[in-house]
Amino acid sequence: MNANGSNGGAVCAVLGQEGGEGHNHQVPGNGRSNGAAELLDVGAVAALLSCSVRSVWRLSDAGKMPTPVRVGRLVRWSHTALISWIGQGCPAVRVVT
């Protein structure tokens, strides 16, 4: 646990990263960017984090990653929010009771 009470380093270690510094994170897809905020499904998030889909759900349910956006029944994560979170060293985002 670090000074602000999160265990972000442990989350990044689980994801095979050292604080998120200097990593080139690429999202699977068509390679096109239209300048709009890209929303990723759970499979794309798992690929970005180099972990399983189940691990993404566990991190999300535990509040250890950015909160997903819900569009009807769809669950998506902001690519920008995820990259920012990784760059900050993967700190816990919220406290789950």
PDB file of N, CA and C in Angstrom:
ATOM      1  N   MET A   1       0.837  -1.168   0.000  1.00  0.00           N
ATOM      2  CA  MET A   1       0.000   0.000   0.000  1.00  0.00           C
ATOM      3  C   MET A   1       0.889   1.241   0.000  1.00  0.00           C
ATOM      4  N   ASN A   2       0.538   2.245  -0.823  1.00  0.00           N
ATOM      5  CA  ASN A   2       1.355   3.441  -0.863  1.00  0.00           C
ATOM      6  C   ASN A   2       0.801   4.526   0.046  1.00  0.00           C
ATOM      7  N   ALA A   3       1.385   5.720   0.001  1.00  0.00           N
ATOM      8  CA  ALA A   3       1.043   6.794   0.916  1.00  0.00           C
ATOM      9  C   ALA A   3      -0.416   7.225   0.820  1.00  0.00           C
ATOM     10  N   ASN A   4      -1.032   7.117  -0.338  1.00  0.00           N
ATOM     11  CA  ASN A   4      -2.414   7.542  -0.456  1.00  0.00           C
ATOM     12  C   ASN A   4      -3.404   6.404  -0.213  1.00  0.00           C
ATOM     13  N   GLY A   5      -2.933   5.277   0.280  1.00  0.00           N
ATOM     14  CA  GLY A   5      -3.804   4.179   0.672  1.00  0.00           C
ATOM     15  C   GLY A   5      -4.162   3.198  -0.425  1.00  0.00           C
ATOM     16  N   SER A   6      -3.592   3.353  -1.611  1.00  0.00           N
ATOM     17  CA  SER A   6      -3.912   2.406  -2.673  1.00  0.00           C
ATOM     18  C   SER A   6      -2.796   1.388  -2.818  1.00  0.00           C
ATOM     19  N   ASN A   7      -3.100   0.297  -3.457  1.00  0.00           N
ATOM     20  CA  ASN A   7      -2.081  -0.714  -3.718  1.00  0.00           C
ATOM     21  C   ASN A   7      -1.862  -0.824  -5.214  1.00  0.00           C
ATOM     22  N   GLY A   8      -1.786   0.320  -5.890  1.00  0.00           N
ATOM     23  CA  GLY A   8      -1.634   0.374  -7.334  1.00  0.00           C
ATOM     24  C   GLY A   8      -0.443  -0.390  -7.849  1.00  0.00           C
ATOM     25  N   GLY A   9       0.666  -0.368  -7.105  1.00  0.00           N
ATOM     26  CA  GLY A   9       1.847  -1.105  -7.537  1.00  0.00           C
ATOM     27  C   GLY A   9       1.579  -2.587  -7.638  1.00  0.00           C
ATOM     28  N   ALA A  10       0.785  -3.109  -6.708  1.00  0.00           N
ATOM     29  CA  ALA A  10       0.459  -4.525  -6.731  1.00  0.00           C
ATOM     30  C   ALA A  10      -0.399  -4.859  -7.946  1.00  0.00           C
ATOM     31  N   VAL A  11      -1.319  -3.969  -8.289  1.00  0.00           N
ATOM     32  CA  VAL A  11      -2.172  -4.200  -9.453  1.00  0.00           C
ATOM     33  C   VAL A  11      -1.319  -4.220 -10.705  1.00  0.00           C
ATOM     34  N   CYS A  12      -0.412  -3.258 -10.848  1.00  0.00           N
ATOM     35  CA  CYS A  12       0.460  -3.224 -12.021  1.00  0.00           C
ATOM     36  C   CYS A  12       1.371  -4.441 -12.049  1.00  0.00           C
ATOM     37  N   ALA A  13       1.824  -4.890 -10.884  1.00  0.00           N
ATOM     38  CA  ALA A  13       2.671  -6.078 -10.839  1.00  0.00           C
ATOM     39  C   ALA A  13       1.895  -7.296 -11.316  1.00  0.00           C
ATOM     40  N   VAL A  14       0.624  -7.389 -10.941  1.00  0.00           N
ATOM     41  CA  VAL A  14      -0.219  -8.490 -11.391  1.00  0.00           C
ATOM     42  C   VAL A  14      -0.366  -8.426 -12.906  1.00  0.00           C
ATOM     43  N   LEU A  15      -0.413  -7.205 -13.430  1.00  0.00           N
ATOM     44  CA  LEU A  15      -0.563  -7.023 -14.861  1.00  0.00           C
ATOM     45  C   LEU A  15       0.765  -7.114 -15.590  1.00  0.00           C
ATOM     46  N   GLY A  16       1.862  -7.367 -14.857  1.00  0.00           N
ATOM     47  CA  GLY A  16       3.167  -7.510 -15.487  1.00  0.00           C
ATOM     48  C   GLY A  16       3.804  -6.194 -15.855  1.00  0.00           C
ATOM     49  N   GLN A  17       3.518  -5.139 -15.087  1.00  0.00           N
ATOM     50  CA  GLN A  17       4.048  -3.816 -15.383  1.00  0.00           C
ATOM     51  C   GLN A  17       4.751  -3.257 -14.165  1.00  0.00           C
ATOM     52  N   GLU A  18       5.702  -2.391 -14.402  1.00  0.00           N
ATOM     53  CA  GLU A  18       6.393  -1.679 -13.341  1.00  0.00           C
ATOM     54  C   GLU A  18       5.918  -0.239 -13.365  1.00  0.00           C
ATOM     55  N   GLY A  19       4.827   0.058 -12.676  1.00  0.00           N
ATOM     56  CA  GLY A  19       4.348   1.420 -12.556  1.00  0.00           C
ATOM     57  C   GLY A  19       3.782   2.022 -13.827  1.00  0.00           C
ATOM     58  N   GLY A  20       3.690   1.268 -14.893  1.00  0.00           N
ATOM     59  CA  GLY A  20       3.100   1.765 -16.114  1.00  0.00           C
ATOM     60  C   GLY A  20       4.003   2.686 -16.907  1.00  0.00           C
ATOM     61  N   GLU A  21       5.239   2.874 -16.498  1.00  0.00           N
ATOM     62  CA  GLU A  21       6.143   3.797 -17.163  1.00  0.00           C
ATOM     63  C   GLU A  21       6.759   3.148 -18.391  1.00  0.00           C
ATOM     64  N   GLY A  22       6.800   3.867 -19.484  1.00  0.00           N
ATOM     65  CA  GLY A  22       7.539   3.446 -20.662  1.00  0.00           C
ATOM     66  C   GLY A  22       6.971   2.252 -21.412  1.00  0.00           C
ATOM     67  N   HIS A  23       5.692   1.973 -21.242  1.00  0.00           N
ATOM     68  CA  HIS A  23       5.090   0.859 -21.961  1.00  0.00           C
ATOM     69  C   HIS A  23       4.327   1.375 -23.160  1.00  0.00           C
ATOM     70  N   ASN A  24       4.367   0.640 -24.226  1.00  0.00           N
ATOM     71  CA  ASN A  24       3.638   0.996 -25.430  1.00  0.00           C
ATOM     72  C   ASN A  24       2.365   0.166 -25.462  1.00  0.00           C
ATOM     73  N   HIS A  25       1.245   0.785 -25.105  1.00  0.00           N
ATOM     74  CA  HIS A  25      -0.022   0.076 -25.039  1.00  0.00           C
ATOM     75  C   HIS A  25      -0.789   0.303 -26.327  1.00  0.00           C
ATOM     76  N   GLN A  26      -1.123  -0.782 -27.002  1.00  0.00           N
ATOM     77  CA  GLN A  26      -1.867  -0.673 -28.236  1.00  0.00           C
ATOM     78  C   GLN A  26      -3.167  -1.434 -28.092  1.00  0.00           C
ATOM     79  N   VAL A  27      -4.200  -0.861 -28.657  1.00  0.00           N
ATOM     80  CA  VAL A  27      -5.521  -1.462 -28.589  1.00  0.00           C
ATOM     81  C   VAL A  27      -5.770  -2.244 -29.861  1.00  0.00           C
ATOM     82  N   PRO A  28      -6.231  -3.489 -29.718  1.00  0.00           N
ATOM     83  CA  PRO A  28      -6.577  -4.243 -30.911  1.00  0.00           C
ATOM     84  C   PRO A  28      -7.725  -3.544 -31.624  1.00  0.00           C
ATOM     85  N   GLY A  29      -7.723  -3.569 -32.912  1.00  0.00           N
ATOM     86  CA  GLY A  29      -8.818  -2.943 -33.647  1.00  0.00           C
ATOM     87  C   GLY A  29      -8.401  -2.665 -35.064  1.00  0.00           C
ATOM     88  N   ASN A  30      -9.057  -1.692 -35.646  1.00  0.00           N
ATOM     89  CA  ASN A  30      -8.822  -1.409 -37.050  1.00  0.00           C
ATOM     90  C   ASN A  30      -7.703  -0.403 -37.280  1.00  0.00           C
ATOM     91  N   GLY A  31      -7.110   0.141 -36.219  1.00  0.00           N
ATOM     92  CA  GLY A  31      -5.992   1.052 -36.372  1.00  0.00           C
ATOM     93  C   GLY A  31      -6.391   2.463 -36.737  1.00  0.00           C
ATOM     94  N   ARG A  32      -7.699   2.709 -36.888  1.00  0.00           N
ATOM     95  CA  ARG A  32      -8.164   4.045 -37.238  1.00  0.00           C
ATOM     96  C   ARG A  32      -8.491   4.814 -35.974  1.00  0.00           C
ATOM     97  N   SER A  33      -8.282   6.124 -36.019  1.00  0.00           N
ATOM     98  CA  SER A  33      -8.642   6.982 -34.911  1.00  0.00           C
ATOM     99  C   SER A  33      -9.385   8.176 -35.469  1.00  0.00           C
ATOM    100  N   ASN A  34     -10.555   8.451 -34.923  1.00  0.00           N
ATOM    101  CA  ASN A  34     -11.336   9.576 -35.397  1.00  0.00           C
ATOM    102  C   ASN A  34     -11.269  10.764 -34.447  1.00  0.00           C
ATOM    103  N   GLY A  35     -10.402  10.714 -33.447  1.00  0.00           N
ATOM    104  CA  GLY A  35     -10.254  11.810 -32.511  1.00  0.00           C
ATOM    105  C   GLY A  35     -11.244  11.759 -31.360  1.00  0.00           C
ATOM    106  N   ALA A  36     -12.286  10.941 -31.458  1.00  0.00           N
ATOM    107  CA  ALA A  36     -13.260  10.825 -30.383  1.00  0.00           C
ATOM    108  C   ALA A  36     -12.739   9.851 -29.336  1.00  0.00           C
ATOM    109  N   ALA A  37     -13.264   9.972 -28.117  1.00  0.00           N
ATOM    110  CA  ALA A  37     -12.871   9.051 -27.056  1.00  0.00           C
ATOM    111  C   ALA A  37     -13.304   7.648 -27.452  1.00  0.00           C
ATOM    112  N   GLU A  38     -12.367   6.722 -27.449  1.00  0.00           N
ATOM    113  CA  GLU A  38     -12.666   5.357 -27.857  1.00  0.00           C
ATOM    114  C   GLU A  38     -13.113   4.549 -26.647  1.00  0.00           C
ATOM    115  N   LEU A  39     -14.185   3.812 -26.802  1.00  0.00           N
ATOM    116  CA  LEU A  39     -14.688   2.938 -25.750  1.00  0.00           C
ATOM    117  C   LEU A  39     -14.324   1.504 -26.098  1.00  0.00           C
ATOM    118  N   LEU A  40     -13.746   0.801 -25.128  1.00  0.00           N
ATOM    119  CA  LEU A  40     -13.254  -0.560 -25.341  1.00  0.00           C
ATOM    120  C   LEU A  40     -14.132  -1.570 -24.635  1.00  0.00           C
ATOM    121  N   ASP A  41     -14.352  -2.708 -25.274  1.00  0.00           N
ATOM    122  CA  ASP A  41     -15.074  -3.784 -24.615  1.00  0.00           C
ATOM    123  C   ASP A  41     -14.108  -4.564 -23.726  1.00  0.00           C
ATOM    124  N   VAL A  42     -14.638  -5.514 -22.975  1.00  0.00           N
ATOM    125  CA  VAL A  42     -13.825  -6.241 -21.999  1.00  0.00           C
ATOM    126  C   VAL A  42     -12.677  -7.008 -22.660  1.00  0.00           C
ATOM    127  N   GLY A  43     -12.890  -7.522 -23.852  1.00  0.00           N
ATOM    128  CA  GLY A  43     -11.830  -8.241 -24.559  1.00  0.00           C
ATOM    129  C   GLY A  43     -10.676  -7.326 -24.943  1.00  0.00           C
ATOM    130  N   ALA A  44     -11.001  -6.115 -25.410  1.00  0.00           N
ATOM    131  CA  ALA A  44      -9.961  -5.151 -25.775  1.00  0.00           C
ATOM    132  C   ALA A  44      -9.212  -4.659 -24.540  1.00  0.00           C
ATOM    133  N   VAL A  45      -9.935  -4.488 -23.423  1.00  0.00           N
ATOM    134  CA  VAL A  45      -9.281  -4.074 -22.173  1.00  0.00           C
ATOM    135  C   VAL A  45      -8.327  -5.177 -21.706  1.00  0.00           C
ATOM    136  N   ALA A  46      -8.767  -6.424 -21.787  1.00  0.00           N
ATOM    137  CA  ALA A  46      -7.910  -7.550 -21.400  1.00  0.00           C
ATOM    138  C   ALA A  46      -6.648  -7.579 -22.257  1.00  0.00           C
ATOM    139  N   ALA A  47      -6.789  -7.336 -23.561  1.00  0.00           N
ATOM    140  CA  ALA A  47      -5.625  -7.311 -24.450  1.00  0.00           C
ATOM    141  C   ALA A  47      -4.703  -6.143 -24.095  1.00  0.00           C
ATOM    142  N   LEU A  48      -5.280  -4.985 -23.797  1.00  0.00           N
ATOM    143  CA  LEU A  48      -4.492  -3.815 -23.425  1.00  0.00           C
ATOM    144  C   LEU A  48      -3.694  -4.065 -22.150  1.00  0.00           C
ATOM    145  N   LEU A  49      -4.311  -4.743 -21.191  1.00  0.00           N
ATOM    146  CA  LEU A  49      -3.671  -5.013 -19.905  1.00  0.00           C
ATOM    147  C   LEU A  49      -2.880  -6.318 -19.889  1.00  0.00           C
ATOM    148  N   SER A  50      -2.915  -7.060 -20.967  1.00  0.00           N
ATOM    149  CA  SER A  50      -2.236  -8.363 -21.055  1.00  0.00           C
ATOM    150  C   SER A  50      -2.676  -9.300 -19.938  1.00  0.00           C
ATOM    151  N   CYS A  51      -3.976  -9.408 -19.774  1.00  0.00           N
ATOM    152  CA  CYS A  51      -4.528 -10.308 -18.760  1.00  0.00           C
ATOM    153  C   CYS A  51      -5.790 -10.954 -19.322  1.00  0.00           C
ATOM    154  N   SER A  52      -6.435 -11.789 -18.518  1.00  0.00           N
ATOM    155  CA  SER A  52      -7.644 -12.469 -18.973  1.00  0.00           C
ATOM    156  C   SER A  52      -8.862 -11.562 -18.818  1.00  0.00           C
ATOM    157  N   VAL A  53      -9.917 -11.915 -19.523  1.00  0.00           N
ATOM    158  CA  VAL A  53     -11.184 -11.198 -19.411  1.00  0.00           C
ATOM    159  C   VAL A  53     -11.683 -11.269 -17.972  1.00  0.00           C
ATOM    160  N   ARG A  54     -11.561 -12.434 -17.369  1.00  0.00           N
ATOM    161  CA  ARG A  54     -12.001 -12.604 -15.971  1.00  0.00           C
ATOM    162  C   ARG A  54     -11.229 -11.672 -15.038  1.00  0.00           C
ATOM    163  N   SER A  55      -9.944 -11.476 -15.278  1.00  0.00           N
ATOM    164  CA  SER A  55      -9.152 -10.564 -14.444  1.00  0.00           C
ATOM    165  C   SER A  55      -9.628  -9.126 -14.573  1.00  0.00           C
ATOM    166  N   VAL A  56     -10.057  -8.739 -15.774  1.00  0.00           N
ATOM    167  CA  VAL A  56     -10.600  -7.387 -15.965  1.00  0.00           C
ATOM    168  C   VAL A  56     -11.849  -7.219 -15.105  1.00  0.00           C
ATOM    169  N   TRP A  57     -12.743  -8.214 -15.144  1.00  0.00           N
ATOM    170  CA  TRP A  57     -13.959  -8.121 -14.327  1.00  0.00           C
ATOM    171  C   TRP A  57     -13.624  -8.073 -12.840  1.00  0.00           C
ATOM    172  N   ARG A  58     -12.639  -8.847 -12.411  1.00  0.00           N
ATOM    173  CA  ARG A  58     -12.245  -8.829 -10.993  1.00  0.00           C
ATOM    174  C   ARG A  58     -11.700  -7.472 -10.589  1.00  0.00           C
ATOM    175  N   LEU A  59     -10.811  -6.898 -11.417  1.00  0.00           N
ATOM    176  CA  LEU A  59     -10.259  -5.570 -11.128  1.00  0.00           C
ATOM    177  C   LEU A  59     -11.369  -4.522 -11.085  1.00  0.00           C
ATOM    178  N   SER A  60     -12.292  -4.599 -12.027  1.00  0.00           N
ATOM    179  CA  SER A  60     -13.392  -3.640 -12.077  1.00  0.00           C
ATOM    180  C   SER A  60     -14.300  -3.776 -10.858  1.00  0.00           C
ATOM    181  N   ASP A  61     -14.677  -5.003 -10.533  1.00  0.00           N
ATOM    182  CA  ASP A  61     -15.560  -5.235  -9.386  1.00  0.00           C
ATOM    183  C   ASP A  61     -14.918  -4.805  -8.071  1.00  0.00           C
ATOM    184  N   ALA A  62     -13.595  -4.900  -7.981  1.00  0.00           N
ATOM    185  CA  ALA A  62     -12.880  -4.529  -6.764  1.00  0.00           C
ATOM    186  C   ALA A  62     -12.567  -3.036  -6.704  1.00  0.00           C
ATOM    187  N   GLY A  63     -12.889  -2.295  -7.760  1.00  0.00           N
ATOM    188  CA  GLY A  63     -12.628  -0.857  -7.771  1.00  0.00           C
ATOM    189  C   GLY A  63     -11.175  -0.518  -8.004  1.00  0.00           C
ATOM    190  N   LYS A  64     -10.429  -1.420  -8.603  1.00  0.00           N
ATOM    191  CA  LYS A  64      -8.997  -1.218  -8.811  1.00  0.00           C
ATOM    192  C   LYS A  64      -8.650  -0.683 -10.188  1.00  0.00           C
ATOM    193  N   MET A  65      -9.681  -0.356 -10.971  1.00  0.00           N
ATOM    194  CA  MET A  65      -9.445   0.214 -12.297  1.00  0.00           C
ATOM    195  C   MET A  65     -10.556   1.219 -12.573  1.00  0.00           C
ATOM    196  N   PRO A  66     -10.405   2.036 -13.607  1.00  0.00           N
ATOM    197  CA  PRO A  66     -11.451   3.028 -13.900  1.00  0.00           C
ATOM    198  C   PRO A  66     -12.828   2.385 -14.067  1.00  0.00           C
ATOM    199  N   THR A  67     -13.843   3.120 -13.644  1.00  0.00           N
ATOM    200  CA  THR A  67     -15.219   2.654 -13.727  1.00  0.00           C
ATOM    201  C   THR A  67     -15.656   2.571 -15.184  1.00  0.00           C
ATOM    202  N   PRO A  68     -16.319   1.498 -15.559  1.00  0.00           N
ATOM    203  CA  PRO A  68     -16.779   1.385 -16.943  1.00  0.00           C
ATOM    204  C   PRO A  68     -17.987   2.276 -17.207  1.00  0.00           C
ATOM    205  N   VAL A  69     -18.226   2.516 -18.490  1.00  0.00           N
ATOM    206  CA  VAL A  69     -19.396   3.252 -18.946  1.00  0.00           C
ATOM    207  C   VAL A  69     -20.430   2.215 -19.360  1.00  0.00           C
ATOM    208  N   ARG A  70     -21.657   2.409 -18.932  1.00  0.00           N
ATOM    209  CA  ARG A  70     -22.718   1.475 -19.310  1.00  0.00           C
ATOM    210  C   ARG A  70     -23.634   2.156 -20.323  1.00  0.00           C
ATOM    211  N   VAL A  71     -23.790   1.509 -21.466  1.00  0.00           N
ATOM    212  CA  VAL A  71     -24.663   1.999 -22.528  1.00  0.00           C
ATOM    213  C   VAL A  71     -25.698   0.906 -22.763  1.00  0.00           C
ATOM    214  N   GLY A  72     -26.841   1.056 -22.134  1.00  0.00           N
ATOM    215  CA  GLY A  72     -27.833  -0.021 -22.168  1.00  0.00           C
ATOM    216  C   GLY A  72     -27.250  -1.230 -21.455  1.00  0.00           C
ATOM    217  N   ARG A  73     -27.185  -2.340 -22.147  1.00  0.00           N
ATOM    218  CA  ARG A  73     -26.599  -3.554 -21.571  1.00  0.00           C
ATOM    219  C   ARG A  73     -25.109  -3.672 -21.836  1.00  0.00           C
ATOM    220  N   LEU A  74     -24.567  -2.780 -22.655  1.00  0.00           N
ATOM    221  CA  LEU A  74     -23.144  -2.835 -22.990  1.00  0.00           C
ATOM    222  C   LEU A  74     -22.301  -2.227 -21.879  1.00  0.00           C
ATOM    223  N   VAL A  75     -21.147  -2.808 -21.640  1.00  0.00           N
ATOM    224  CA  VAL A  75     -20.190  -2.282 -20.664  1.00  0.00           C
ATOM    225  C   VAL A  75     -18.910  -1.980 -21.421  1.00  0.00           C
ATOM    226  N   ARG A  76     -18.460  -0.730 -21.329  1.00  0.00           N
ATOM    227  CA  ARG A  76     -17.266  -0.293 -22.059  1.00  0.00           C
ATOM    228  C   ARG A  76     -16.392   0.553 -21.145  1.00  0.00           C
ATOM    229  N   TRP A  77     -15.091   0.577 -21.440  1.00  0.00           N
ATOM    230  CA  TRP A  77     -14.137   1.394 -20.701  1.00  0.00           C
ATOM    231  C   TRP A  77     -13.543   2.433 -21.636  1.00  0.00           C
ATOM    232  N   SER A  78     -13.279   3.618 -21.115  1.00  0.00           N
ATOM    233  CA  SER A  78     -12.653   4.677 -21.894  1.00  0.00           C
ATOM    234  C   SER A  78     -11.174   4.361 -22.077  1.00  0.00           C
ATOM    235  N   HIS A  79     -10.726   4.339 -23.322  1.00  0.00           N
ATOM    236  CA  HIS A  79      -9.321   4.083 -23.615  1.00  0.00           C
ATOM    237  C   HIS A  79      -8.445   5.151 -22.958  1.00  0.00           C
ATOM    238  N   THR A  80      -8.869   6.407 -23.041  1.00  0.00           N
ATOM    239  CA  THR A  80      -8.111   7.513 -22.444  1.00  0.00           C
ATOM    240  C   THR A  80      -7.976   7.332 -20.941  1.00  0.00           C
ATOM    241  N   ALA A  81      -9.074   6.969 -20.265  1.00  0.00           N
ATOM    242  CA  ALA A  81      -9.040   6.767 -18.814  1.00  0.00           C
ATOM    243  C   ALA A  81      -8.114   5.615 -18.436  1.00  0.00           C
ATOM    244  N   LEU A  82      -8.136   4.535 -19.231  1.00  0.00           N
ATOM    245  CA  LEU A  82      -7.267   3.392 -18.939  1.00  0.00           C
ATOM    246  C   LEU A  82      -5.791   3.742 -19.109  1.00  0.00           C
ATOM    247  N   ILE A  83      -5.447   4.455 -20.183  1.00  0.00           N
ATOM    248  CA  ILE A  83      -4.055   4.839 -20.409  1.00  0.00           C
ATOM    249  C   ILE A  83      -3.587   5.771 -19.300  1.00  0.00           C
ATOM    250  N   SER A  84      -4.433   6.699 -18.893  1.00  0.00           N
ATOM    251  CA  SER A  84      -4.095   7.607 -17.794  1.00  0.00           C
ATOM    252  C   SER A  84      -3.884   6.823 -16.497  1.00  0.00           C
ATOM    253  N   TRP A  85      -4.756   5.863 -16.219  1.00  0.00           N
ATOM    254  CA  TRP A  85      -4.664   5.032 -15.019  1.00  0.00           C
ATOM    255  C   TRP A  85      -3.358   4.229 -15.015  1.00  0.00           C
ATOM    256  N   ILE A  86      -3.003   3.667 -16.145  1.00  0.00           N
ATOM    257  CA  ILE A  86      -1.755   2.909 -16.255  1.00  0.00           C
ATOM    258  C   ILE A  86      -0.568   3.841 -16.036  1.00  0.00           C
ATOM    259  N   GLY A  87      -0.623   5.033 -16.631  1.00  0.00           N
ATOM    260  CA  GLY A  87       0.456   6.006 -16.484  1.00  0.00           C
ATOM    261  C   GLY A  87       0.654   6.475 -15.049  1.00  0.00           C
ATOM    262  N   GLN A  88      -0.409   6.427 -14.254  1.00  0.00           N
ATOM    263  CA  GLN A  88      -0.334   6.822 -12.844  1.00  0.00           C
ATOM    264  C   GLN A  88       0.127   5.682 -11.951  1.00  0.00           C
ATOM    265  N   GLY A  89       0.400   4.531 -12.524  1.00  0.00           N
ATOM    266  CA  GLY A  89       0.868   3.394 -11.738  1.00  0.00           C
ATOM    267  C   GLY A  89      -0.240   2.474 -11.275  1.00  0.00           C
ATOM    268  N   CYS A  90      -1.399   2.519 -11.911  1.00  0.00           N
ATOM    269  CA  CYS A  90      -2.526   1.631 -11.621  1.00  0.00           C
ATOM    270  C   CYS A  90      -3.065   1.751 -10.193  1.00  0.00           C
ATOM    271  N   PRO A  91      -3.328   2.979  -9.714  1.00  0.00           N
ATOM    272  CA  PRO A  91      -3.861   3.101  -8.353  1.00  0.00           C
ATOM    273  C   PRO A  91      -5.305   2.644  -8.286  1.00  0.00           C
ATOM    274  N   ALA A  92      -5.729   2.214  -7.079  1.00  0.00           N
ATOM    275  CA  ALA A  92      -7.140   1.869  -6.887  1.00  0.00           C
ATOM    276  C   ALA A  92      -7.953   3.127  -7.131  1.00  0.00           C
ATOM    277  N   VAL A  93      -9.066   2.993  -7.850  1.00  0.00           N
ATOM    278  CA  VAL A  93      -9.868   4.147  -8.240  1.00  0.00           C
ATOM    279  C   VAL A  93     -10.946   4.470  -7.218  1.00  0.00           C
ATOM    280  N   ARG A  94     -11.537   3.448  -6.632  1.00  0.00           N
ATOM    281  CA  ARG A  94     -12.590   3.674  -5.669  1.00  0.00           C
ATOM    282  C   ARG A  94     -12.530   2.602  -4.581  1.00  0.00           C
ATOM    283  N   VAL A  95     -13.197   2.903  -3.479  1.00  0.00           N
ATOM    284  CA  VAL A  95     -13.251   1.959  -2.368  1.00  0.00           C
ATOM    285  C   VAL A  95     -14.549   1.179  -2.474  1.00  0.00           C
ATOM    286  N   VAL A  96     -14.460  -0.141  -2.493  1.00  0.00           N
ATOM    287  CA  VAL A  96     -15.630  -1.004  -2.573  1.00  0.00           C
ATOM    288  C   VAL A  96     -15.893  -1.542  -1.184  1.00  0.00           C
ATOM    289  N   THR A  97     -17.140  -1.386  -0.737  1.00  0.00           N
ATOM    290  CA  THR A  97     -17.483  -1.871   0.612  1.00  0.00           C
ATOM    291  C   THR A  97     -18.179  -3.191   0.564  1.00  0.00           C
TER     292      THR A  97
END
